[in-house]
Amino acid sequence: MKRILQIFFLFMCLIVVISLLIVQRQPLTTATSTNSPTPYAEELGQKLQTTDFTKKVLQAIREVGYAPDSTVGYLIDSPEHQVITIQLHNGEEIDVSTESEIQSIIDELARKNNIPLFMVNVQLIEAK
């Protein structure tokens, strides 16, 4: 009888070990982003539209002598992570002073329109 109990106990331990190995080998399921905008991004997007922020940005950048593309890109995750992308047609290279000047322009416009500040990404469009 004792021998049968030992075999039964070993058999149960083997089943537990195999079960644990199977569970560990299965990939974990994680929540994936559905790429739907967050309520914050939707709210800020509405504010950008109602204040004509993009139009004001383009006008202000043109006034200081730059030639921005007619579109502006926004990446909005949270109030702490907002990026605005400006593409310029003129110039051979974007230097620190260009980025700094455009950052200042956008910061000033954002403050005037009561919009959280953006990190500015300036890109140069190559001539074709």
C-alpha atoms as a PDB file:
ATOM      1  CA  MET A   1       0.000   0.000   0.000  1.00  0.00           C
ATOM      2  CA  LYS A   2       2.854   2.305   0.854  1.00  0.00           C
ATOM      3  CA  ARG A   3       4.402   1.702  -2.547  1.00  0.00           C
ATOM      4  CA  ILE A   4       1.132   2.601  -4.296  1.00  0.00           C
ATOM      5  CA  LEU A   5       0.892   5.892  -2.365  1.00  0.00           C
ATOM      6  CA  GLN A   6       4.464   6.778  -3.323  1.00  0.00           C
ATOM      7  CA  ILE A   7       3.774   6.103  -6.990  1.00  0.00           C
ATOM      8  CA  PHE A   8       0.549   8.133  -6.792  1.00  0.00           C
ATOM      9  CA  PHE A   9       2.405  11.024  -5.107  1.00  0.00           C
ATOM     10  CA  LEU A  10       5.175  10.975  -7.751  1.00  0.00           C
ATOM     11  CA  PHE A  11       2.575  10.849 -10.501  1.00  0.00           C
ATOM     12  CA  MET A  12       0.767  13.907  -9.073  1.00  0.00           C
ATOM     13  CA  CYS A  13       4.080  15.810  -8.748  1.00  0.00           C
ATOM     14  CA  LEU A  14       4.874  14.989 -12.354  1.00  0.00           C
ATOM     15  CA  ILE A  15       1.494  16.337 -13.478  1.00  0.00           C
ATOM     16  CA  VAL A  16       2.028  19.585 -11.519  1.00  0.00           C
ATOM     17  CA  VAL A  17       5.518  20.082 -12.983  1.00  0.00           C
ATOM     18  CA  ILE A  18       4.321  19.423 -16.540  1.00  0.00           C
ATOM     19  CA  SER A  19       1.386  21.814 -16.039  1.00  0.00           C
ATOM     20  CA  LEU A  20       3.729  24.567 -14.835  1.00  0.00           C
ATOM     21  CA  LEU A  21       6.034  24.066 -17.812  1.00  0.00           C
ATOM     22  CA  ILE A  22       3.113  24.274 -20.232  1.00  0.00           C
ATOM     23  CA  VAL A  23       1.833  27.479 -18.637  1.00  0.00           C
ATOM     24  CA  GLN A  24       5.298  29.081 -18.740  1.00  0.00           C
ATOM     25  CA  ARG A  25       5.820  28.255 -22.408  1.00  0.00           C
ATOM     26  CA  GLN A  26       2.578  29.895 -23.532  1.00  0.00           C
ATOM     27  CA  PRO A  27       2.990  33.513 -24.601  1.00  0.00           C
ATOM     28  CA  LEU A  28       1.475  36.095 -22.326  1.00  0.00           C
ATOM     29  CA  THR A  29      -1.414  38.013 -23.728  1.00  0.00           C
ATOM     30  CA  THR A  30      -1.030  41.745 -23.401  1.00  0.00           C
ATOM     31  CA  ALA A  31      -3.422  44.514 -24.156  1.00  0.00           C
ATOM     32  CA  THR A  32      -2.681  46.135 -27.482  1.00  0.00           C
ATOM     33  CA  SER A  33      -3.266  49.703 -28.392  1.00  0.00           C
ATOM     34  CA  THR A  34      -6.274  50.243 -30.594  1.00  0.00           C
ATOM     35  CA  ASN A  35      -4.792  53.493 -31.928  1.00  0.00           C
ATOM     36  CA  SER A  36      -7.890  55.326 -30.875  1.00  0.00           C
ATOM     37  CA  PRO A  37      -7.205  58.801 -29.573  1.00  0.00           C
ATOM     38  CA  THR A  38      -7.343  59.383 -25.855  1.00  0.00           C
ATOM     39  CA  PRO A  39      -9.967  61.738 -24.462  1.00  0.00           C
ATOM     40  CA  TYR A  40      -7.161  64.236 -23.827  1.00  0.00           C
ATOM     41  CA  ALA A  41      -5.990  64.066 -27.449  1.00  0.00           C
ATOM     42  CA  GLU A  42      -9.548  64.508 -28.711  1.00  0.00           C
ATOM     43  CA  GLU A  43     -10.101  67.476 -26.407  1.00  0.00           C
ATOM     44  CA  LEU A  44      -6.834  69.127 -27.435  1.00  0.00           C
ATOM     45  CA  GLY A  45      -7.574  68.438 -31.099  1.00  0.00           C
ATOM     46  CA  GLN A  46     -10.865  70.299 -30.759  1.00  0.00           C
ATOM     47  CA  LYS A  47      -9.092  73.191 -29.072  1.00  0.00           C
ATOM     48  CA  LEU A  48      -6.485  73.324 -31.840  1.00  0.00           C
ATOM     49  CA  GLN A  49      -9.284  73.525 -34.417  1.00  0.00           C
ATOM     50  CA  THR A  50     -11.367  76.145 -32.631  1.00  0.00           C
ATOM     51  CA  THR A  51      -8.353  78.414 -32.083  1.00  0.00           C
ATOM     52  CA  ASP A  52      -6.981  77.943 -35.645  1.00  0.00           C
ATOM     53  CA  PHE A  53      -3.689  77.065 -33.979  1.00  0.00           C
ATOM     54  CA  THR A  54      -2.169  75.408 -37.061  1.00  0.00           C
ATOM     55  CA  LYS A  55      -2.947  78.417 -39.244  1.00  0.00           C
ATOM     56  CA  LYS A  56      -1.439  80.774 -36.655  1.00  0.00           C
ATOM     57  CA  VAL A  57       1.700  78.626 -36.395  1.00  0.00           C
ATOM     58  CA  LEU A  58       2.214  78.598 -40.156  1.00  0.00           C
ATOM     59  CA  GLN A  59       1.649  82.361 -40.435  1.00  0.00           C
ATOM     60  CA  ALA A  60       4.038  83.154 -37.590  1.00  0.00           C
ATOM     61  CA  ILE A  61       6.767  80.936 -39.024  1.00  0.00           C
ATOM     62  CA  ARG A  62       6.354  82.519 -42.471  1.00  0.00           C
ATOM     63  CA  GLU A  63       6.560  86.014 -40.950  1.00  0.00           C
ATOM     64  CA  VAL A  64      10.090  85.350 -39.679  1.00  0.00           C
ATOM     65  CA  GLY A  65      11.266  84.177 -43.097  1.00  0.00           C
ATOM     66  CA  TYR A  66      10.840  80.408 -43.136  1.00  0.00           C
ATOM     67  CA  ALA A  67       8.894  78.453 -45.744  1.00  0.00           C
ATOM     68  CA  PRO A  68       6.953  75.749 -43.885  1.00  0.00           C
ATOM     69  CA  ASP A  69       4.979  73.061 -45.651  1.00  0.00           C
ATOM     70  CA  SER A  70       1.242  73.734 -45.499  1.00  0.00           C
ATOM     71  CA  THR A  71       0.675  70.826 -43.118  1.00  0.00           C
ATOM     72  CA  VAL A  72       1.628  70.415 -39.484  1.00  0.00           C
ATOM     73  CA  GLY A  73       1.901  67.068 -37.731  1.00  0.00           C
ATOM     74  CA  TYR A  74       0.768  66.505 -34.166  1.00  0.00           C
ATOM     75  CA  LEU A  75       1.544  63.605 -31.831  1.00  0.00           C
ATOM     76  CA  ILE A  76      -0.409  63.909 -28.609  1.00  0.00           C
ATOM     77  CA  ASP A  77      -0.133  61.267 -25.891  1.00  0.00           C
ATOM     78  CA  SER A  78      -0.579  63.348 -22.765  1.00  0.00           C
ATOM     79  CA  PRO A  79      -0.046  66.921 -21.557  1.00  0.00           C
ATOM     80  CA  GLU A  80       3.569  65.957 -20.828  1.00  0.00           C
ATOM     81  CA  HIS A  81       4.177  64.373 -24.251  1.00  0.00           C
ATOM     82  CA  GLN A  82       3.036  66.501 -27.156  1.00  0.00           C
ATOM     83  CA  VAL A  83       5.044  66.863 -30.330  1.00  0.00           C
ATOM     84  CA  ILE A  84       4.429  69.215 -33.229  1.00  0.00           C
ATOM     85  CA  THR A  85       6.281  68.543 -36.495  1.00  0.00           C
ATOM     86  CA  ILE A  86       7.038  71.382 -38.878  1.00  0.00           C
ATOM     87  CA  GLN A  87       8.539  70.721 -42.309  1.00  0.00           C
ATOM     88  CA  LEU A  88      10.527  73.491 -43.948  1.00  0.00           C
ATOM     89  CA  HIS A  89      11.151  73.905 -47.689  1.00  0.00           C
ATOM     90  CA  ASN A  90      13.998  76.377 -47.594  1.00  0.00           C
ATOM     91  CA  GLY A  91      17.470  76.028 -46.183  1.00  0.00           C
ATOM     92  CA  GLU A  92      20.249  73.552 -46.614  1.00  0.00           C
ATOM     93  CA  GLU A  93      20.450  72.428 -43.020  1.00  0.00           C
ATOM     94  CA  ILE A  94      18.426  72.912 -39.869  1.00  0.00           C
ATOM     95  CA  ASP A  95      20.586  74.259 -37.092  1.00  0.00           C
ATOM     96  CA  VAL A  96      19.951  74.726 -33.396  1.00  0.00           C
ATOM     97  CA  SER A  97      19.028  78.392 -33.800  1.00  0.00           C
ATOM     98  CA  THR A  98      16.307  77.521 -36.329  1.00  0.00           C
ATOM     99  CA  GLU A  99      14.773  74.941 -34.016  1.00  0.00           C
ATOM    100  CA  SER A 100      15.082  77.286 -31.059  1.00  0.00           C
ATOM    101  CA  GLU A 101      13.418  80.163 -32.909  1.00  0.00           C
ATOM    102  CA  ILE A 102      10.527  78.002 -34.096  1.00  0.00           C
ATOM    103  CA  GLN A 103      10.177  76.502 -30.592  1.00  0.00           C
ATOM    104  CA  SER A 104       9.878  80.029 -29.161  1.00  0.00           C
ATOM    105  CA  ILE A 105       7.231  80.992 -31.716  1.00  0.00           C
ATOM    106  CA  ILE A 106       5.136  77.915 -30.980  1.00  0.00           C
ATOM    107  CA  ASP A 107       5.545  78.314 -27.206  1.00  0.00           C
ATOM    108  CA  GLU A 108       4.310  81.901 -27.416  1.00  0.00           C
ATOM    109  CA  LEU A 109       1.308  80.936 -29.552  1.00  0.00           C
ATOM    110  CA  ALA A 110       0.468  78.045 -27.235  1.00  0.00           C
ATOM    111  CA  ARG A 111       0.501  80.318 -24.189  1.00  0.00           C
ATOM    112  CA  LYS A 112      -1.683  82.907 -25.934  1.00  0.00           C
ATOM    113  CA  ASN A 113      -4.222  80.202 -26.823  1.00  0.00           C
ATOM    114  CA  ASN A 114      -4.036  78.486 -23.409  1.00  0.00           C
ATOM    115  CA  ILE A 115      -2.656  75.276 -24.918  1.00  0.00           C
ATOM    116  CA  PRO A 116      -0.033  73.089 -23.185  1.00  0.00           C
ATOM    117  CA  LEU A 117       3.436  73.485 -24.679  1.00  0.00           C
ATOM    118  CA  PHE A 118       4.711  71.253 -27.480  1.00  0.00           C
ATOM    119  CA  MET A 119       8.090  69.715 -28.178  1.00  0.00           C
ATOM    120  CA  VAL A 120       8.980  70.951 -31.654  1.00  0.00           C
ATOM    121  CA  ASN A 121      10.368  68.664 -34.336  1.00  0.00           C
ATOM    122  CA  VAL A 122      11.676  70.595 -37.359  1.00  0.00           C
ATOM    123  CA  GLN A 123      12.370  68.673 -40.546  1.00  0.00           C
ATOM    124  CA  LEU A 124      13.820  69.807 -43.856  1.00  0.00           C
ATOM    125  CA  ILE A 125      12.052  68.810 -47.062  1.00  0.00           C
ATOM    126  CA  GLU A 126      14.586  68.104 -49.773  1.00  0.00           C
ATOM    127  CA  ALA A 127      14.194  69.872 -53.101  1.00  0.00           C
ATOM    128  CA  LYS A 128      13.180  67.565 -55.926  1.00  0.00           C
END
